[in-house]
Structures are given as C-alpha cells and as structure tokens.
Amino acid sequence: MSEQRRIDLLFAATVRVLSLARLARRSAPALAMALVIVVAVHGTLGGIDVASVPRLAMDVPEGYLSAAQRTASAASLAPEARMRPRAAEQAVEDEPVRALPPLDREQQNIARFIATRYRVGVDATSEFVYHAYRAARDIKVDPMLVLAIMSVESSFNPKAQSTAGAQGLMQVLTRVHADKFRPFGGIPAAFDPVANIRVGSAILKEYINREGSVEGALKSYVGAALAEHDGGYGVKVLNARERIAAAAAGRPIPAEVIAAPVRVEPEPTMQPVSRIIETRTPLPPEEPRPAAIEPAGGGAEARDQHVRNAVTPSPVKQAGEI
C-alpha cells in the first residue's frame, strides 16, 4: 500500500470519528432527559437507584437540565400530593358567591336611582337600601328619610369623615354617641355600613320623639337644636326624601333643591349719644306767644318768673270783687 493511500484512509477514519463524536454531543441532552424520565417513572432501572444514575452530558445547557429535574420531581410526587392544588382550586370554585339581599320592586328602584345619581355600585346601594329598611322597620321610622339623610350627609360613602369628627354613611359623631357603637365592637364600627345605619336611625328616632316633628328632629340631627335656623339642612333632606319616594314609585324625579344660604341679621350696635342727637328728628319751631301782662306791684322778679314759665298771670282782683 502506497504512502498516499494510507494517509487517505487515516484521514477518512479521523473524519468519521469526529462526526460520530459531534453527533453524540448533540444528542446527549435528549438522551439524558429521556433516561431521567424513564428512571423517574419506573423508580429504578435494573435495580439502580435514581440518584446513582450518572450524568451523561456534563455540559448540558442549564435550561434543559432544569426542565428535566422539574419533570422528574413532578413525576415522583405521591398521587395525593399531586391532587392538593386541584383540591384547592375546587374549593375556591365551590365557595358560594355572596348573594344580593332580597329587595322588592320599590327597593330595587331606589337602589338603581341611588347608584345612578351618586355613582355607587348597585351591589353597594342594594346593601344600603336593605339595611336601611330593616333598621327603620325595627324602630318604626321612615326608611326613605333614613336614606335621604345618608344622601345629604355622605352621598352614600361609607368611609366619609368630616372635620368635626362625624363618620360613616349617616355621619354620626362618634365622640358623642360612642356608647351606641359598643354592641358593634366600638367606635371603629362607625365605618361599617350596618352599624352606622343602625346607630344613625336610632339617633334620628330619639330626636323625633324629643322634638315632636321631623323638622325639629332634623334640626337637632345637624346640631342646630339651639340655633335659630338649620342653614337649609331640613329643606335639603326633605327634598331628597321626595326624590327617593318618586324613584321608588316610578314617577318623574322632581328637581333637586339647593338650599339657599340663610341670611344672618347683624346684631344692633350701640351708638354714641352725640350720634343719636344728630340723627333724631328736629322739633318744630315754637310759635310766638303773647307777652305776659305784668301785674301791678309785681316787680322785676315776678315779671321774670312769668316769662320763664310762659304763663299769663291771672288779673289781680280788686277788693270787693267776687
């Protein structure tokens, strides 16, 4: 065999070996993953433990190895462990959805009107209407009046809070009525719609019994019991009640009344005496009076006295006259 022939054969063998090595290198990740899956599924392969299986490719990319490990771990889990996520999902699906409170047709109309007018969700307004009717029924007050107070006080915002300390849907002053929230867990319950409606309705009932009229109760509710006027609060609440009643009956909604500010008359101020004298009506001039007749023998002193008193002296009677 010639020298050139041997060189060609050696070169061809070398090329084939390199090709086989390259093919094995490329197929090693797939072979390794297949072997791991088979071992994980069947537990052992010919009595060899899974942990003792050597890595067939030390330079397998990290992504492939992680996927293989996750697959093996998931396959090796016990059946009951694999069922836990499904059981949790089933429990969430089986959890009952909170149903809306049962409302009659009138209450549904009110809930829709409030949701549209004050831009509140229908679910929330349905809750407010339902509990307002329940509280009003228990203490025998007008439920629409309770809802009207909520509309004026908080615009149906259960988290509303004023600078004066009034809180919740009906803006109850918790520092004054703290004892009324005790059955509901204390003052923090003022932001709970149910507790706030219950306490606010009870306060309204107390004021109605004390004042004897709705108007007087509203004046006390706004804190103007001792004031001359309530600043238009009562007018706004009664107008809101009329609008709610119209919505409940399906009638056209009357116009909303914006209470005009009440004018406060200024208190009279004391003026100095000189100012009073200057501004009072002047007296008419005195008419000229006839000159007084000086009595005989009266002298200057008698004349001055008659002039000062502007009195005409009676004539002196002569002796012997009657």
C-alpha atoms as a PDB file:
ATOM      1  CA  MET A   1       0.000   0.000   0.000  1.00  0.00           C
ATOM      2  CA  SER A   2       1.335   3.282  -1.010  1.00  0.00           C
ATOM      3  CA  GLU A   3       2.042   6.029   1.417  1.00  0.00           C
ATOM      4  CA  GLN A   4      -0.618   8.243  -0.095  1.00  0.00           C
ATOM      5  CA  ARG A   5      -3.247   5.522   0.300  1.00  0.00           C
ATOM      6  CA  ARG A   6      -2.532   5.098   3.978  1.00  0.00           C
ATOM      7  CA  ILE A   7      -2.789   8.829   4.545  1.00  0.00           C
ATOM      8  CA  ASP A   8      -6.198   8.938   2.834  1.00  0.00           C
ATOM      9  CA  LEU A   9      -7.548   6.056   4.930  1.00  0.00           C
ATOM     10  CA  LEU A  10      -6.306   7.616   8.148  1.00  0.00           C
ATOM     11  CA  PHE A  11      -7.865  10.928   7.259  1.00  0.00           C
ATOM     12  CA  ALA A  12     -11.233   9.304   6.415  1.00  0.00           C
ATOM     13  CA  ALA A  13     -11.265   7.408   9.718  1.00  0.00           C
ATOM     14  CA  THR A  14     -10.486  10.551  11.632  1.00  0.00           C
ATOM     15  CA  VAL A  15     -13.317  12.411   9.938  1.00  0.00           C
ATOM     16  CA  ARG A  16     -15.768   9.618  10.766  1.00  0.00           C
ATOM     17  CA  VAL A  17     -14.743   9.559  14.416  1.00  0.00           C
ATOM     18  CA  LEU A  18     -15.151  13.300  14.718  1.00  0.00           C
ATOM     19  CA  SER A  19     -18.556  13.103  13.067  1.00  0.00           C
ATOM     20  CA  LEU A  20     -19.708  10.405  15.481  1.00  0.00           C
ATOM     21  CA  ALA A  21     -18.422  12.440  18.448  1.00  0.00           C
ATOM     22  CA  ARG A  22     -20.236  15.518  17.233  1.00  0.00           C
ATOM     23  CA  LEU A  23     -23.470  13.522  16.779  1.00  0.00           C
ATOM     24  CA  ALA A  24     -23.173  12.071  20.276  1.00  0.00           C
ATOM     25  CA  ARG A  25     -22.564  15.523  21.717  1.00  0.00           C
ATOM     26  CA  ARG A  26     -25.676  16.902  20.058  1.00  0.00           C
ATOM     27  CA  SER A  27     -27.918  14.006  21.074  1.00  0.00           C
ATOM     28  CA  ALA A  28     -26.645  13.781  24.664  1.00  0.00           C
ATOM     29  CA  PRO A  29     -29.196  16.223  26.220  1.00  0.00           C
ATOM     30  CA  ALA A  30     -32.132  14.427  24.654  1.00  0.00           C
ATOM     31  CA  LEU A  31     -30.807  11.039  25.659  1.00  0.00           C
ATOM     32  CA  ALA A  32     -30.131  12.205  29.196  1.00  0.00           C
ATOM     33  CA  MET A  33     -33.634  13.673  29.613  1.00  0.00           C
ATOM     34  CA  ALA A  34     -35.224  10.500  28.224  1.00  0.00           C
ATOM     35  CA  LEU A  35     -33.222   8.357  30.602  1.00  0.00           C
ATOM     36  CA  VAL A  36     -34.128  10.519  33.623  1.00  0.00           C
ATOM     37  CA  ILE A  37     -37.820  10.372  32.727  1.00  0.00           C
ATOM     38  CA  VAL A  38     -37.741   6.619  32.351  1.00  0.00           C
ATOM     39  CA  VAL A  39     -35.951   6.174  35.658  1.00  0.00           C
ATOM     40  CA  ALA A  40     -38.309   8.578  37.446  1.00  0.00           C
ATOM     41  CA  VAL A  41     -41.421   6.872  36.145  1.00  0.00           C
ATOM     42  CA  HIS A  42     -40.314   3.343  36.877  1.00  0.00           C
ATOM     43  CA  GLY A  43     -38.388   4.118  40.045  1.00  0.00           C
ATOM     44  CA  THR A  44     -35.297   2.112  39.242  1.00  0.00           C
ATOM     45  CA  LEU A  45     -33.630   0.785  36.123  1.00  0.00           C
ATOM     46  CA  GLY A  46     -32.253  -2.676  36.630  1.00  0.00           C
ATOM     47  CA  GLY A  47     -32.054  -2.196  40.391  1.00  0.00           C
ATOM     48  CA  ILE A  48     -30.067   1.048  40.114  1.00  0.00           C
ATOM     49  CA  ASP A  49     -31.293   3.917  42.250  1.00  0.00           C
ATOM     50  CA  VAL A  50     -32.220   7.165  40.569  1.00  0.00           C
ATOM     51  CA  ALA A  51     -29.598   9.110  42.481  1.00  0.00           C
ATOM     52  CA  SER A  52     -26.873   6.790  41.215  1.00  0.00           C
ATOM     53  CA  VAL A  53     -27.546   7.414  37.520  1.00  0.00           C
ATOM     54  CA  PRO A  54     -24.545   9.339  36.158  1.00  0.00           C
ATOM     55  CA  ARG A  55     -24.946  12.444  34.127  1.00  0.00           C
ATOM     56  CA  LEU A  56     -24.409  11.515  30.525  1.00  0.00           C
ATOM     57  CA  ALA A  57     -23.563  15.026  29.415  1.00  0.00           C
ATOM     58  CA  MET A  58     -21.722  17.282  31.797  1.00  0.00           C
ATOM     59  CA  ASP A  59     -22.148  20.300  29.561  1.00  0.00           C
ATOM     60  CA  VAL A  60     -25.925  20.054  29.149  1.00  0.00           C
ATOM     61  CA  PRO A  61     -27.392  23.605  28.989  1.00  0.00           C
ATOM     62  CA  GLU A  62     -28.887  24.793  32.238  1.00  0.00           C
ATOM     63  CA  GLY A  63     -32.332  25.150  30.773  1.00  0.00           C
ATOM     64  CA  TYR A  64     -32.547  21.549  29.678  1.00  0.00           C
ATOM     65  CA  LEU A  65     -31.349  20.232  32.981  1.00  0.00           C
ATOM     66  CA  SER A  66     -33.836  22.325  34.943  1.00  0.00           C
ATOM     67  CA  ALA A  67     -36.695  21.128  32.805  1.00  0.00           C
ATOM     68  CA  ALA A  68     -35.635  17.543  33.312  1.00  0.00           C
ATOM     69  CA  GLN A  69     -35.406  17.998  37.040  1.00  0.00           C
ATOM     70  CA  ARG A  70     -38.846  19.597  37.236  1.00  0.00           C
ATOM     71  CA  THR A  71     -40.330  16.775  35.198  1.00  0.00           C
ATOM     72  CA  ALA A  72     -38.720  14.139  37.390  1.00  0.00           C
ATOM     73  CA  SER A  73     -39.851  15.899  40.563  1.00  0.00           C
ATOM     74  CA  ALA A  74     -43.420  16.180  39.369  1.00  0.00           C
ATOM     75  CA  ALA A  75     -43.468  12.550  38.321  1.00  0.00           C
ATOM     76  CA  SER A  76     -42.100  11.356  41.658  1.00  0.00           C
ATOM     77  CA  LEU A  77     -44.772  13.119  43.727  1.00  0.00           C
ATOM     78  CA  ALA A  78     -47.292  10.982  45.527  1.00  0.00           C
ATOM     79  CA  PRO A  79     -50.777  10.930  43.967  1.00  0.00           C
ATOM     80  CA  GLU A  80     -52.363  12.645  46.989  1.00  0.00           C
ATOM     81  CA  ALA A  81     -49.749  15.417  46.875  1.00  0.00           C
ATOM     82  CA  ARG A  82     -50.438  15.997  43.194  1.00  0.00           C
ATOM     83  CA  MET A  83     -54.118  16.310  43.969  1.00  0.00           C
ATOM     84  CA  ARG A  84     -53.704  19.158  46.506  1.00  0.00           C
ATOM     85  CA  PRO A  85     -53.634  22.075  44.000  1.00  0.00           C
ATOM     86  CA  ARG A  86     -56.657  20.658  42.249  1.00  0.00           C
ATOM     87  CA  ALA A  87     -58.461  20.288  45.560  1.00  0.00           C
ATOM     88  CA  ALA A  88     -57.680  23.921  46.432  1.00  0.00           C
ATOM     89  CA  GLU A  89     -58.957  25.113  43.080  1.00  0.00           C
ATOM     90  CA  GLN A  90     -62.099  23.052  43.516  1.00  0.00           C
ATOM     91  CA  ALA A  91     -62.650  24.562  46.961  1.00  0.00           C
ATOM     92  CA  VAL A  92     -62.405  28.086  45.531  1.00  0.00           C
ATOM     93  CA  GLU A  93     -64.817  27.190  42.763  1.00  0.00           C
ATOM     94  CA  ASP A  94     -67.244  25.612  45.230  1.00  0.00           C
ATOM     95  CA  GLU A  95     -67.200  28.668  47.564  1.00  0.00           C
ATOM     96  CA  PRO A  96     -70.657  30.232  47.444  1.00  0.00           C
ATOM     97  CA  VAL A  97     -70.872  33.675  45.863  1.00  0.00           C
ATOM     98  CA  ARG A  98     -72.309  36.333  48.169  1.00  0.00           C
ATOM     99  CA  ALA A  99     -75.858  36.842  47.011  1.00  0.00           C
ATOM    100  CA  LEU A 100     -77.502  40.228  46.847  1.00  0.00           C
ATOM    101  CA  PRO A 101     -80.053  40.947  49.593  1.00  0.00           C
ATOM    102  CA  PRO A 102     -83.660  40.282  48.643  1.00  0.00           C
ATOM    103  CA  LEU A 103     -85.294  43.544  47.585  1.00  0.00           C
ATOM    104  CA  ASP A 104     -88.825  44.171  46.454  1.00  0.00           C
ATOM    105  CA  ARG A 105     -89.621  46.244  43.384  1.00  0.00           C
ATOM    106  CA  GLU A 106     -89.754  49.535  45.300  1.00  0.00           C
ATOM    107  CA  GLN A 107     -86.393  48.922  46.939  1.00  0.00           C
ATOM    108  CA  GLN A 108     -84.819  47.879  43.631  1.00  0.00           C
ATOM    109  CA  ASN A 109     -85.965  51.158  42.053  1.00  0.00           C
ATOM    110  CA  ILE A 110     -84.405  53.085  44.929  1.00  0.00           C
ATOM    111  CA  ALA A 111     -81.120  51.148  44.677  1.00  0.00           C
ATOM    112  CA  ARG A 112     -80.869  51.865  40.944  1.00  0.00           C
ATOM    113  CA  PHE A 113     -81.698  55.549  41.428  1.00  0.00           C
ATOM    114  CA  ILE A 114     -79.043  55.949  44.138  1.00  0.00           C
ATOM    115  CA  ALA A 115     -76.454  54.097  42.058  1.00  0.00           C
ATOM    116  CA  THR A 116     -77.093  56.370  39.068  1.00  0.00           C
ATOM    117  CA  ARG A 117     -77.357  59.647  40.974  1.00  0.00           C
ATOM    118  CA  TYR A 118     -74.385  59.167  43.305  1.00  0.00           C
ATOM    119  CA  ARG A 119     -72.228  56.894  41.089  1.00  0.00           C
ATOM    120  CA  VAL A 120     -72.110  53.995  43.522  1.00  0.00           C
ATOM    121  CA  GLY A 121     -72.188  50.318  42.600  1.00  0.00           C
ATOM    122  CA  VAL A 122     -75.610  48.690  42.524  1.00  0.00           C
ATOM    123  CA  ASP A 123     -74.404  45.930  44.860  1.00  0.00           C
ATOM    124  CA  ALA A 124     -73.411  48.513  47.488  1.00  0.00           C
ATOM    125  CA  THR A 125     -76.604  50.552  47.141  1.00  0.00           C
ATOM    126  CA  SER A 126     -78.685  47.384  47.415  1.00  0.00           C
ATOM    127  CA  GLU A 127     -76.955  46.651  50.737  1.00  0.00           C
ATOM    128  CA  PHE A 128     -77.599  50.188  51.974  1.00  0.00           C
ATOM    129  CA  VAL A 129     -81.284  50.115  50.998  1.00  0.00           C
ATOM    130  CA  TYR A 130     -81.817  46.681  52.507  1.00  0.00           C
ATOM    131  CA  HIS A 131     -80.312  47.559  55.907  1.00  0.00           C
ATOM    132  CA  ALA A 132     -81.970  50.991  55.963  1.00  0.00           C
ATOM    133  CA  TYR A 133     -85.374  49.357  55.550  1.00  0.00           C
ATOM    134  CA  ARG A 134     -84.604  46.763  58.215  1.00  0.00           C
ATOM    135  CA  ALA A 135     -83.394  49.320  60.756  1.00  0.00           C
ATOM    136  CA  ALA A 136     -86.315  51.653  60.043  1.00  0.00           C
ATOM    137  CA  ARG A 137     -88.800  48.825  60.388  1.00  0.00           C
ATOM    138  CA  ASP A 138     -87.377  47.785  63.770  1.00  0.00           C
ATOM    139  CA  ILE A 139     -87.591  51.276  65.306  1.00  0.00           C
ATOM    140  CA  LYS A 140     -90.618  52.477  63.292  1.00  0.00           C
ATOM    141  CA  VAL A 141     -89.196  55.392  61.308  1.00  0.00           C
ATOM    142  CA  ASP A 142     -89.470  56.286  57.640  1.00  0.00           C
ATOM    143  CA  PRO A 143     -86.808  54.304  55.717  1.00  0.00           C
ATOM    144  CA  MET A 144     -86.792  56.861  52.911  1.00  0.00           C
ATOM    145  CA  LEU A 145     -85.987  59.568  55.454  1.00  0.00           C
ATOM    146  CA  VAL A 146     -83.022  57.489  56.638  1.00  0.00           C
ATOM    147  CA  LEU A 147     -81.810  57.136  53.053  1.00  0.00           C
ATOM    148  CA  ALA A 148     -82.334  60.865  52.465  1.00  0.00           C
ATOM    149  CA  ILE A 149     -80.118  61.689  55.446  1.00  0.00           C
ATOM    150  CA  MET A 150     -77.436  59.388  54.027  1.00  0.00           C
ATOM    151  CA  SER A 151     -77.618  61.159  50.667  1.00  0.00           C
ATOM    152  CA  VAL A 152     -77.169  64.614  52.198  1.00  0.00           C
ATOM    153  CA  GLU A 153     -74.626  63.611  54.836  1.00  0.00           C
ATOM    154  CA  SER A 154     -72.214  61.350  52.927  1.00  0.00           C
ATOM    155  CA  SER A 155     -73.514  60.845  49.363  1.00  0.00           C
ATOM    156  CA  PHE A 156     -73.543  57.129  50.254  1.00  0.00           C
ATOM    157  CA  ASN A 157     -69.819  56.949  51.004  1.00  0.00           C
ATOM    158  CA  PRO A 158     -69.379  54.590  53.994  1.00  0.00           C
ATOM    159  CA  LYS A 159     -65.825  55.901  54.582  1.00  0.00           C
ATOM    160  CA  ALA A 160     -66.815  59.580  54.729  1.00  0.00           C
ATOM    161  CA  GLN A 161     -65.418  61.604  57.631  1.00  0.00           C
ATOM    162  CA  SER A 162     -65.879  65.280  58.408  1.00  0.00           C
ATOM    163  CA  THR A 163     -63.511  67.675  60.108  1.00  0.00           C
ATOM    164  CA  ALA A 164     -65.898  67.793  63.065  1.00  0.00           C
ATOM    165  CA  GLY A 165     -65.478  64.053  63.655  1.00  0.00           C
ATOM    166  CA  ALA A 166     -68.688  62.761  62.043  1.00  0.00           C
ATOM    167  CA  GLN A 167     -68.145  59.373  60.427  1.00  0.00           C
ATOM    168  CA  GLY A 168     -69.801  56.888  58.110  1.00  0.00           C
ATOM    169  CA  LEU A 169     -72.913  56.847  55.961  1.00  0.00           C
ATOM    170  CA  MET A 170     -75.043  58.904  58.363  1.00  0.00           C
ATOM    171  CA  GLN A 171     -72.133  60.993  59.696  1.00  0.00           C
ATOM    172  CA  VAL A 172     -72.573  60.052  63.343  1.00  0.00           C
ATOM    173  CA  LEU A 173     -70.493  61.997  65.863  1.00  0.00           C
ATOM    174  CA  THR A 174     -68.669  59.107  67.485  1.00  0.00           C
ATOM    175  CA  ARG A 175     -67.306  61.178  70.336  1.00  0.00           C
ATOM    176  CA  VAL A 176     -70.899  61.926  71.401  1.00  0.00           C
ATOM    177  CA  HIS A 177     -72.511  58.555  70.635  1.00  0.00           C
ATOM    178  CA  ALA A 178     -69.618  56.198  71.426  1.00  0.00           C
ATOM    179  CA  ASP A 179     -71.804  54.105  73.738  1.00  0.00           C
ATOM    180  CA  LYS A 180     -74.186  53.294  70.887  1.00  0.00           C
ATOM    181  CA  PHE A 181     -71.382  51.620  68.915  1.00  0.00           C
ATOM    182  CA  ARG A 182     -70.378  49.393  71.826  1.00  0.00           C
ATOM    183  CA  PRO A 183     -72.637  46.471  70.753  1.00  0.00           C
ATOM    184  CA  PHE A 184     -70.982  46.577  67.315  1.00  0.00           C
ATOM    185  CA  GLY A 185     -67.408  46.472  68.612  1.00  0.00           C
ATOM    186  CA  GLY A 186     -66.698  50.097  69.454  1.00  0.00           C
ATOM    187  CA  ILE A 187     -66.030  53.317  67.574  1.00  0.00           C
ATOM    188  CA  PRO A 188     -64.200  51.648  64.624  1.00  0.00           C
ATOM    189  CA  ALA A 189     -67.566  50.145  63.655  1.00  0.00           C
ATOM    190  CA  ALA A 190     -68.708  53.613  62.595  1.00  0.00           C
ATOM    191  CA  PHE A 191     -67.335  52.849  59.127  1.00  0.00           C
ATOM    192  CA  ASP A 192     -69.312  49.618  58.927  1.00  0.00           C
ATOM    193  CA  PRO A 193     -72.479  50.354  56.908  1.00  0.00           C
ATOM    194  CA  VAL A 194     -74.756  48.127  59.005  1.00  0.00           C
ATOM    195  CA  ALA A 195     -73.593  49.533  62.353  1.00  0.00           C
ATOM    196  CA  ASN A 196     -73.683  53.127  61.116  1.00  0.00           C
ATOM    197  CA  ILE A 197     -77.198  52.785  59.723  1.00  0.00           C
ATOM    198  CA  ARG A 198     -78.430  51.194  62.937  1.00  0.00           C
ATOM    199  CA  VAL A 199     -76.926  53.855  65.194  1.00  0.00           C
ATOM    200  CA  GLY A 200     -77.898  56.780  62.952  1.00  0.00           C
ATOM    201  CA  SER A 201     -81.505  55.572  62.702  1.00  0.00           C
ATOM    202  CA  ALA A 202     -81.711  55.196  66.484  1.00  0.00           C
ATOM    203  CA  ILE A 203     -80.434  58.758  66.966  1.00  0.00           C
ATOM    204  CA  LEU A 204     -82.995  60.062  64.475  1.00  0.00           C
ATOM    205  CA  LYS A 205     -85.770  58.236  66.343  1.00  0.00           C
ATOM    206  CA  GLU A 206     -84.676  59.807  69.644  1.00  0.00           C
ATOM    207  CA  TYR A 207     -84.779  63.279  68.136  1.00  0.00           C
ATOM    208  CA  ILE A 208     -88.223  62.725  66.613  1.00  0.00           C
ATOM    209  CA  ASN A 209     -89.594  61.639  69.986  1.00  0.00           C
ATOM    210  CA  ARG A 210     -87.953  64.574  71.752  1.00  0.00           C
ATOM    211  CA  GLU A 211     -88.808  67.333  69.284  1.00  0.00           C
ATOM    212  CA  GLY A 212     -92.212  66.031  68.222  1.00  0.00           C
ATOM    213  CA  SER A 213     -91.675  66.656  64.487  1.00  0.00           C
ATOM    214  CA  VAL A 214     -89.454  65.567  61.634  1.00  0.00           C
ATOM    215  CA  GLU A 215     -88.342  69.142  61.007  1.00  0.00           C
ATOM    216  CA  GLY A 216     -87.282  69.589  64.626  1.00  0.00           C
ATOM    217  CA  ALA A 217     -85.521  66.225  64.608  1.00  0.00           C
ATOM    218  CA  LEU A 218     -83.536  67.170  61.514  1.00  0.00           C
ATOM    219  CA  LYS A 219     -82.559  70.443  63.119  1.00  0.00           C
ATOM    220  CA  SER A 220     -81.216  68.534  66.117  1.00  0.00           C
ATOM    221  CA  TYR A 221     -79.540  65.937  63.913  1.00  0.00           C
ATOM    222  CA  VAL A 222     -77.457  68.591  62.169  1.00  0.00           C
ATOM    223  CA  GLY A 223     -76.506  70.073  65.534  1.00  0.00           C
ATOM    224  CA  ALA A 224     -78.628  73.221  65.382  1.00  0.00           C
ATOM    225  CA  ALA A 225     -81.109  72.409  68.143  1.00  0.00           C
ATOM    226  CA  LEU A 226     -80.402  75.666  69.990  1.00  0.00           C
ATOM    227  CA  ALA A 227     -79.832  77.769  66.893  1.00  0.00           C
ATOM    228  CA  GLU A 228     -82.394  79.981  65.203  1.00  0.00           C
ATOM    229  CA  HIS A 229     -82.162  78.075  61.896  1.00  0.00           C
ATOM    230  CA  ASP A 230     -80.530  74.933  60.470  1.00  0.00           C
ATOM    231  CA  GLY A 231     -78.926  76.541  57.419  1.00  0.00           C
ATOM    232  CA  GLY A 232     -81.340  74.847  54.999  1.00  0.00           C
ATOM    233  CA  TYR A 233     -80.451  71.322  56.112  1.00  0.00           C
ATOM    234  CA  GLY A 234     -84.040  70.255  56.711  1.00  0.00           C
ATOM    235  CA  VAL A 235     -85.142  71.507  53.301  1.00  0.00           C
ATOM    236  CA  LYS A 236     -82.408  69.508  51.565  1.00  0.00           C
ATOM    237  CA  VAL A 237     -83.197  66.300  53.435  1.00  0.00           C
ATOM    238  CA  LEU A 238     -86.940  66.512  52.805  1.00  0.00           C
ATOM    239  CA  ASN A 239     -86.320  67.244  49.131  1.00  0.00           C
ATOM    240  CA  ALA A 240     -84.010  64.237  48.913  1.00  0.00           C
ATOM    241  CA  ARG A 241     -86.698  62.129  50.568  1.00  0.00           C
ATOM    242  CA  GLU A 242     -89.235  63.318  47.988  1.00  0.00           C
ATOM    243  CA  ARG A 243     -86.883  62.377  45.143  1.00  0.00           C
ATOM    244  CA  ILE A 244     -86.300  58.908  46.612  1.00  0.00           C
ATOM    245  CA  ALA A 245     -90.045  58.378  47.017  1.00  0.00           C
ATOM    246  CA  ALA A 246     -90.611  59.369  43.390  1.00  0.00           C
ATOM    247  CA  ALA A 247     -87.963  56.898  42.231  1.00  0.00           C
ATOM    248  CA  ALA A 248     -89.493  54.138  44.349  1.00  0.00           C
ATOM    249  CA  ALA A 249     -92.915  54.688  42.761  1.00  0.00           C
ATOM    250  CA  GLY A 250     -91.542  55.057  39.250  1.00  0.00           C
ATOM    251  CA  ARG A 251     -92.696  58.662  38.970  1.00  0.00           C
ATOM    252  CA  PRO A 252     -90.705  61.506  37.375  1.00  0.00           C
ATOM    253  CA  ILE A 253     -87.960  62.682  39.706  1.00  0.00           C
ATOM    254  CA  PRO A 254     -88.561  66.236  40.977  1.00  0.00           C
ATOM    255  CA  ALA A 255     -85.865  68.833  40.718  1.00  0.00           C
ATOM    256  CA  GLU A 256     -83.178  68.830  43.342  1.00  0.00           C
ATOM    257  CA  VAL A 257     -83.388  71.736  45.747  1.00  0.00           C
ATOM    258  CA  ILE A 258     -80.192  73.539  46.584  1.00  0.00           C
ATOM    259  CA  ALA A 259     -80.874  75.219  49.892  1.00  0.00           C
ATOM    260  CA  ALA A 260     -80.061  78.932  49.734  1.00  0.00           C
ATOM    261  CA  PRO A 261     -77.803  80.247  52.473  1.00  0.00           C
ATOM    262  CA  VAL A 262     -79.714  81.756  55.326  1.00  0.00           C
ATOM    263  CA  ARG A 263     -79.061  85.441  55.875  1.00  0.00           C
ATOM    264  CA  VAL A 264     -77.957  86.298  59.360  1.00  0.00           C
ATOM    265  CA  GLU A 265     -79.194  89.690  60.517  1.00  0.00           C
ATOM    266  CA  PRO A 266     -76.432  91.768  62.106  1.00  0.00           C
ATOM    267  CA  GLU A 267     -76.802  92.481  65.765  1.00  0.00           C
ATOM    268  CA  PRO A 268     -77.681  96.100  66.653  1.00  0.00           C
ATOM    269  CA  THR A 269     -74.719  98.151  67.791  1.00  0.00           C
ATOM    270  CA  MET A 270     -74.792 100.878  70.434  1.00  0.00           C
ATOM    271  CA  GLN A 271     -74.331 104.399  69.039  1.00  0.00           C
ATOM    272  CA  PRO A 272     -72.889 107.302  70.996  1.00  0.00           C
ATOM    273  CA  VAL A 273     -75.326 109.862  72.414  1.00  0.00           C
ATOM    274  CA  SER A 274     -73.967 112.613  70.175  1.00  0.00           C
ATOM    275  CA  ARG A 275     -74.745 110.500  67.109  1.00  0.00           C
ATOM    276  CA  ILE A 276     -78.281 109.817  68.305  1.00  0.00           C
ATOM    277  CA  ILE A 277     -78.874 113.574  68.914  1.00  0.00           C
ATOM    278  CA  GLU A 278     -77.612 114.460  65.444  1.00  0.00           C
ATOM    279  CA  THR A 279     -79.769 111.906  63.641  1.00  0.00           C
ATOM    280  CA  ARG A 280     -83.031 112.315  65.537  1.00  0.00           C
ATOM    281  CA  THR A 281     -85.888 114.312  64.022  1.00  0.00           C
ATOM    282  CA  PRO A 282     -85.648 118.004  64.995  1.00  0.00           C
ATOM    283  CA  LEU A 283     -88.505 119.537  66.947  1.00  0.00           C
ATOM    284  CA  PRO A 284     -90.773 122.028  65.158  1.00  0.00           C
ATOM    285  CA  PRO A 285     -90.130 125.703  65.964  1.00  0.00           C
ATOM    286  CA  GLU A 286     -92.158 127.162  68.777  1.00  0.00           C
ATOM    287  CA  GLU A 287     -94.970 129.570  67.917  1.00  0.00           C
ATOM    288  CA  PRO A 288     -94.638 133.138  69.234  1.00  0.00           C
ATOM    289  CA  ARG A 289     -96.507 133.582  72.469  1.00  0.00           C
ATOM    290  CA  PRO A 290     -98.299 136.754  73.600  1.00  0.00           C
ATOM    291  CA  ALA A 291     -96.428 138.964  76.011  1.00  0.00           C
ATOM    292  CA  ALA A 292     -97.341 138.450  79.598  1.00  0.00           C
ATOM    293  CA  ILE A 293     -99.191 141.305  81.405  1.00  0.00           C
ATOM    294  CA  GLU A 294     -97.172 142.470  84.317  1.00  0.00           C
ATOM    295  CA  PRO A 295     -99.290 142.566  87.453  1.00  0.00           C
ATOM    296  CA  ALA A 296     -99.388 145.723  89.413  1.00  0.00           C
ATOM    297  CA  GLY A 297     -96.736 145.861  92.095  1.00  0.00           C
ATOM    298  CA  GLY A 298     -95.246 142.535  90.852  1.00  0.00           C
ATOM    299  CA  GLY A 299     -91.764 143.933  90.329  1.00  0.00           C
ATOM    300  CA  ALA A 300     -88.974 142.599  88.102  1.00  0.00           C
ATOM    301  CA  GLU A 301     -88.777 139.257  89.853  1.00  0.00           C
ATOM    302  CA  ALA A 302     -92.443 138.459  89.166  1.00  0.00           C
ATOM    303  CA  ARG A 303     -92.023 139.520  85.553  1.00  0.00           C
ATOM    304  CA  ASP A 304     -89.042 137.228  85.060  1.00  0.00           C
ATOM    305  CA  GLN A 305     -90.904 134.361  86.660  1.00  0.00           C
ATOM    306  CA  HIS A 306     -93.891 134.756  84.313  1.00  0.00           C
ATOM    307  CA  VAL A 307     -91.659 134.957  81.269  1.00  0.00           C
ATOM    308  CA  ARG A 308     -89.740 131.819  82.208  1.00  0.00           C
ATOM    309  CA  ASN A 309     -92.903 129.852  82.821  1.00  0.00           C
ATOM    310  CA  ALA A 310     -94.679 131.363  79.802  1.00  0.00           C
ATOM    311  CA  VAL A 311     -97.821 131.598  81.913  1.00  0.00           C
ATOM    312  CA  THR A 312    -100.142 134.560  81.717  1.00  0.00           C
ATOM    313  CA  PRO A 313    -100.834 135.746  85.243  1.00  0.00           C
ATOM    314  CA  SER A 314    -104.435 135.955  86.316  1.00  0.00           C
ATOM    315  CA  PRO A 315    -105.672 139.525  86.850  1.00  0.00           C
ATOM    316  CA  VAL A 316    -105.473 140.832  90.322  1.00  0.00           C
ATOM    317  CA  LYS A 317    -108.849 141.034  91.932  1.00  0.00           C
ATOM    318  CA  GLN A 318    -109.788 144.295  93.462  1.00  0.00           C
ATOM    319  CA  ALA A 319    -111.190 144.488  96.870  1.00  0.00           C
ATOM    320  CA  GLY A 320    -114.901 143.941  96.840  1.00  0.00           C
ATOM    321  CA  GLU A 321    -114.961 141.892  93.582  1.00  0.00           C
ATOM    322  CA  ILE A 322    -116.386 138.428  93.575  1.00  0.00           C
END
